[in-house]
C-alpha cells in the first residue's frame, strides 16, 4: 500500500531543534510538490512548508526563518529541519502532496515543545 511514514518528532524545550523525515513508498514521489502540514489540538490542519519537485521552498509566515524544508528524490524522502522551536509549534506533523487533493495521510509524528 502506498503511504507516507513520518518520523523524528519528540519532546523538546523552547529554542530547541528537531529534524523530521517523511518517506513515501510510491515511485512517483519525485514529480510532485510536497508539503509538511501540522495539526494542533482543536485546530485545523495547516500547511507550514512546501517544496516543488525542483526543490524550491515556500513557508508559512509563522515558521519562516526557523524551519527549512528539503527533499531527496532518490530516497523518496522529504525533511523538515525545525530550529528555534516555540510552544505554539506543538502539533502532530504530517507530510503530503502540496497543491492538489491529498493522498492518504500517514500517522504523523508528534512534536511537543515544552519546558
C-alpha atoms as a PDB file:
ATOM      1  CA  UNK A   1       0.000   0.000   0.000  1.00  0.00           C
ATOM      2  CA  UNK A   2       1.371   3.392  -0.983  1.00  0.00           C
ATOM      3  CA  UNK A   3       1.694   5.617   2.054  1.00  0.00           C
ATOM      4  CA  UNK A   4       3.669   8.246   3.914  1.00  0.00           C
ATOM      5  CA  UNK A   5       5.706   7.395   7.012  1.00  0.00           C
ATOM      6  CA  UNK A   6       6.707  10.352   9.178  1.00  0.00           C
ATOM      7  CA  UNK A   7       9.333  10.225  11.931  1.00  0.00           C
ATOM      8  CA  UNK A   8      11.623  12.386  14.028  1.00  0.00           C
ATOM      9  CA  UNK A   9       9.195  14.049  16.406  1.00  0.00           C
ATOM     10  CA  UNK A  10       9.594  14.237  20.153  1.00  0.00           C
ATOM     11  CA  UNK A  11       9.655  16.435  23.219  1.00  0.00           C
ATOM     12  CA  UNK A  12      11.959  19.435  23.043  1.00  0.00           C
ATOM     13  CA  UNK A  13      12.452  22.576  25.103  1.00  0.00           C
ATOM     14  CA  UNK A  14      11.665  26.005  23.673  1.00  0.00           C
ATOM     15  CA  UNK A  15      14.532  27.131  21.482  1.00  0.00           C
ATOM     16  CA  UNK A  16      15.463  23.575  20.606  1.00  0.00           C
ATOM     17  CA  UNK A  17      15.615  21.796  17.263  1.00  0.00           C
ATOM     18  CA  UNK A  18      14.201  18.704  15.616  1.00  0.00           C
ATOM     19  CA  UNK A  19      14.533  17.187  12.163  1.00  0.00           C
ATOM     20  CA  UNK A  20      11.511  15.415  10.737  1.00  0.00           C
ATOM     21  CA  UNK A  21      11.639  12.884   7.927  1.00  0.00           C
ATOM     22  CA  UNK A  22       8.925  11.556   5.679  1.00  0.00           C
ATOM     23  CA  UNK A  23       9.336   8.594   3.377  1.00  0.00           C
ATOM     24  CA  UNK A  24       6.862   7.712   0.656  1.00  0.00           C
ATOM     25  CA  UNK A  25       6.679   4.210  -0.715  1.00  0.00           C
ATOM     26  CA  UNK A  26       5.490   5.169  -4.214  1.00  0.00           C
ATOM     27  CA  UNK A  27       7.749   5.575  -7.216  1.00  0.00           C
ATOM     28  CA  UNK A  28       6.155   8.797  -8.480  1.00  0.00           C
ATOM     29  CA  UNK A  29       7.048  10.853  -5.415  1.00  0.00           C
ATOM     30  CA  UNK A  30       9.676  12.879  -7.231  1.00  0.00           C
ATOM     31  CA  UNK A  31       7.324  14.550  -9.709  1.00  0.00           C
ATOM     32  CA  UNK A  32       5.061  16.179  -7.131  1.00  0.00           C
ATOM     33  CA  UNK A  33       5.360  19.213  -4.904  1.00  0.00           C
ATOM     34  CA  UNK A  34       5.406  18.091  -1.294  1.00  0.00           C
ATOM     35  CA  UNK A  35       4.411  19.769   1.922  1.00  0.00           C
ATOM     36  CA  UNK A  36       4.699  19.481   5.665  1.00  0.00           C
ATOM     37  CA  UNK A  37       1.453  20.066   7.497  1.00  0.00           C
ATOM     38  CA  UNK A  38       0.620  20.225  11.186  1.00  0.00           C
ATOM     39  CA  UNK A  39      -2.465  19.897  13.309  1.00  0.00           C
ATOM     40  CA  UNK A  40      -2.616  21.189  16.850  1.00  0.00           C
ATOM     41  CA  UNK A  41      -5.346  20.060  19.282  1.00  0.00           C
ATOM     42  CA  UNK A  42      -8.642  21.719  18.455  1.00  0.00           C
ATOM     43  CA  UNK A  43      -7.293  23.305  15.292  1.00  0.00           C
ATOM     44  CA  UNK A  44      -7.462  22.519  11.601  1.00  0.00           C
ATOM     45  CA  UNK A  45      -4.528  21.029   9.754  1.00  0.00           C
ATOM     46  CA  UNK A  46      -2.370  23.721   8.190  1.00  0.00           C
ATOM     47  CA  UNK A  47       0.452  23.804   5.659  1.00  0.00           C
ATOM     48  CA  UNK A  48       3.702  25.006   7.212  1.00  0.00           C
ATOM     49  CA  UNK A  49       6.192  24.396   4.396  1.00  0.00           C
ATOM     50  CA  UNK A  50       6.192  23.207   0.809  1.00  0.00           C
ATOM     51  CA  UNK A  51       8.769  22.283  -1.782  1.00  0.00           C
ATOM     52  CA  UNK A  52       8.418  21.919  -5.528  1.00  0.00           C
ATOM     53  CA  UNK A  53       9.652  18.894  -7.436  1.00  0.00           C
ATOM     54  CA  UNK A  54      12.668  21.008  -8.376  1.00  0.00           C
ATOM     55  CA  UNK A  55      13.455  21.952  -4.800  1.00  0.00           C
ATOM     56  CA  UNK A  56      12.039  25.487  -4.454  1.00  0.00           C
ATOM     57  CA  UNK A  57      10.688  26.001  -0.930  1.00  0.00           C
ATOM     58  CA  UNK A  58       7.881  28.103   0.492  1.00  0.00           C
ATOM     59  CA  UNK A  59       6.938  28.700   4.116  1.00  0.00           C
ATOM     60  CA  UNK A  60       4.070  29.869   6.263  1.00  0.00           C
ATOM     61  CA  UNK A  61       4.822  33.195   7.907  1.00  0.00           C
ATOM     62  CA  UNK A  62       4.709  31.558  11.330  1.00  0.00           C
ATOM     63  CA  UNK A  63       7.752  29.368  10.588  1.00  0.00           C
ATOM     64  CA  UNK A  64       9.704  31.472   8.090  1.00  0.00           C
ATOM     65  CA  UNK A  65      13.321  31.821   9.135  1.00  0.00           C
ATOM     66  CA  UNK A  66      13.086  28.925  11.612  1.00  0.00           C
ATOM     67  CA  UNK A  67      12.087  25.897   9.513  1.00  0.00           C
ATOM     68  CA  UNK A  68      13.811  24.515   6.418  1.00  0.00           C
ATOM     69  CA  UNK A  69      12.233  22.009   4.060  1.00  0.00           C
ATOM     70  CA  UNK A  70      14.285  19.826   1.750  1.00  0.00           C
ATOM     71  CA  UNK A  71      13.863  16.656  -0.264  1.00  0.00           C
ATOM     72  CA  UNK A  72      15.875  13.742  -1.595  1.00  0.00           C
ATOM     73  CA  UNK A  73      14.047  12.342  -4.610  1.00  0.00           C
ATOM     74  CA  UNK A  74      16.379   9.364  -4.863  1.00  0.00           C
ATOM     75  CA  UNK A  75      15.239   8.302  -1.392  1.00  0.00           C
ATOM     76  CA  UNK A  76      11.597   9.366  -1.805  1.00  0.00           C
ATOM     77  CA  UNK A  77      12.095  11.459   1.332  1.00  0.00           C
ATOM     78  CA  UNK A  78      11.209  14.969   2.420  1.00  0.00           C
ATOM     79  CA  UNK A  79      12.710  16.600   5.504  1.00  0.00           C
ATOM     80  CA  UNK A  80      11.781  19.434   7.825  1.00  0.00           C
ATOM     81  CA  UNK A  81      14.524  20.986   9.913  1.00  0.00           C
ATOM     82  CA  UNK A  82      12.924  22.902  12.748  1.00  0.00           C
ATOM     83  CA  UNK A  83      15.005  25.361  14.759  1.00  0.00           C
ATOM     84  CA  UNK A  84      14.136  27.878  17.478  1.00  0.00           C
ATOM     85  CA  UNK A  85      11.057  25.875  18.338  1.00  0.00           C
ATOM     86  CA  UNK A  86       8.233  27.555  20.227  1.00  0.00           C
ATOM     87  CA  UNK A  87       5.416  26.091  22.342  1.00  0.00           C
ATOM     88  CA  UNK A  88       2.979  27.097  19.607  1.00  0.00           C
ATOM     89  CA  UNK A  89       4.768  24.691  17.238  1.00  0.00           C
ATOM     90  CA  UNK A  90       3.360  21.808  19.280  1.00  0.00           C
ATOM     91  CA  UNK A  91       1.293  19.643  16.929  1.00  0.00           C
ATOM     92  CA  UNK A  92       1.184  16.412  15.001  1.00  0.00           C
ATOM     93  CA  UNK A  93       3.201  16.885  11.825  1.00  0.00           C
ATOM     94  CA  UNK A  94       2.304  15.193   8.550  1.00  0.00           C
ATOM     95  CA  UNK A  95       3.624  15.237   5.026  1.00  0.00           C
ATOM     96  CA  UNK A  96       1.599  15.006   1.847  1.00  0.00           C
ATOM     97  CA  UNK A  97       1.474  16.403  -1.663  1.00  0.00           C
ATOM     98  CA  UNK A  98       1.033  20.151  -1.975  1.00  0.00           C
ATOM     99  CA  UNK A  99      -1.343  21.964  -4.281  1.00  0.00           C
ATOM    100  CA  UNK A 100      -3.566  19.032  -5.117  1.00  0.00           C
ATOM    101  CA  UNK A 101      -6.002  16.655  -3.470  1.00  0.00           C
ATOM    102  CA  UNK A 102      -4.096  14.998  -0.627  1.00  0.00           C
ATOM    103  CA  UNK A 103      -3.102  11.361  -0.861  1.00  0.00           C
ATOM    104  CA  UNK A 104      -3.793   9.057   2.064  1.00  0.00           C
ATOM    105  CA  UNK A 105      -2.446  10.588   5.260  1.00  0.00           C
ATOM    106  CA  UNK A 106       0.203   8.833   7.318  1.00  0.00           C
ATOM    107  CA  UNK A 107       0.143   8.531  11.085  1.00  0.00           C
ATOM    108  CA  UNK A 108       2.102  11.737  11.573  1.00  0.00           C
ATOM    109  CA  UNK A 109       4.771  12.450  14.163  1.00  0.00           C
ATOM    110  CA  UNK A 110       4.116  14.297  17.416  1.00  0.00           C
ATOM    111  CA  UNK A 111       6.173  17.396  18.185  1.00  0.00           C
ATOM    112  CA  UNK A 112       5.848  18.800  21.681  1.00  0.00           C
ATOM    113  CA  UNK A 113       7.656  21.993  22.665  1.00  0.00           C
ATOM    114  CA  UNK A 114       7.592  22.482  26.400  1.00  0.00           C
ATOM    115  CA  UNK A 115       9.869  23.300  29.296  1.00  0.00           C
END
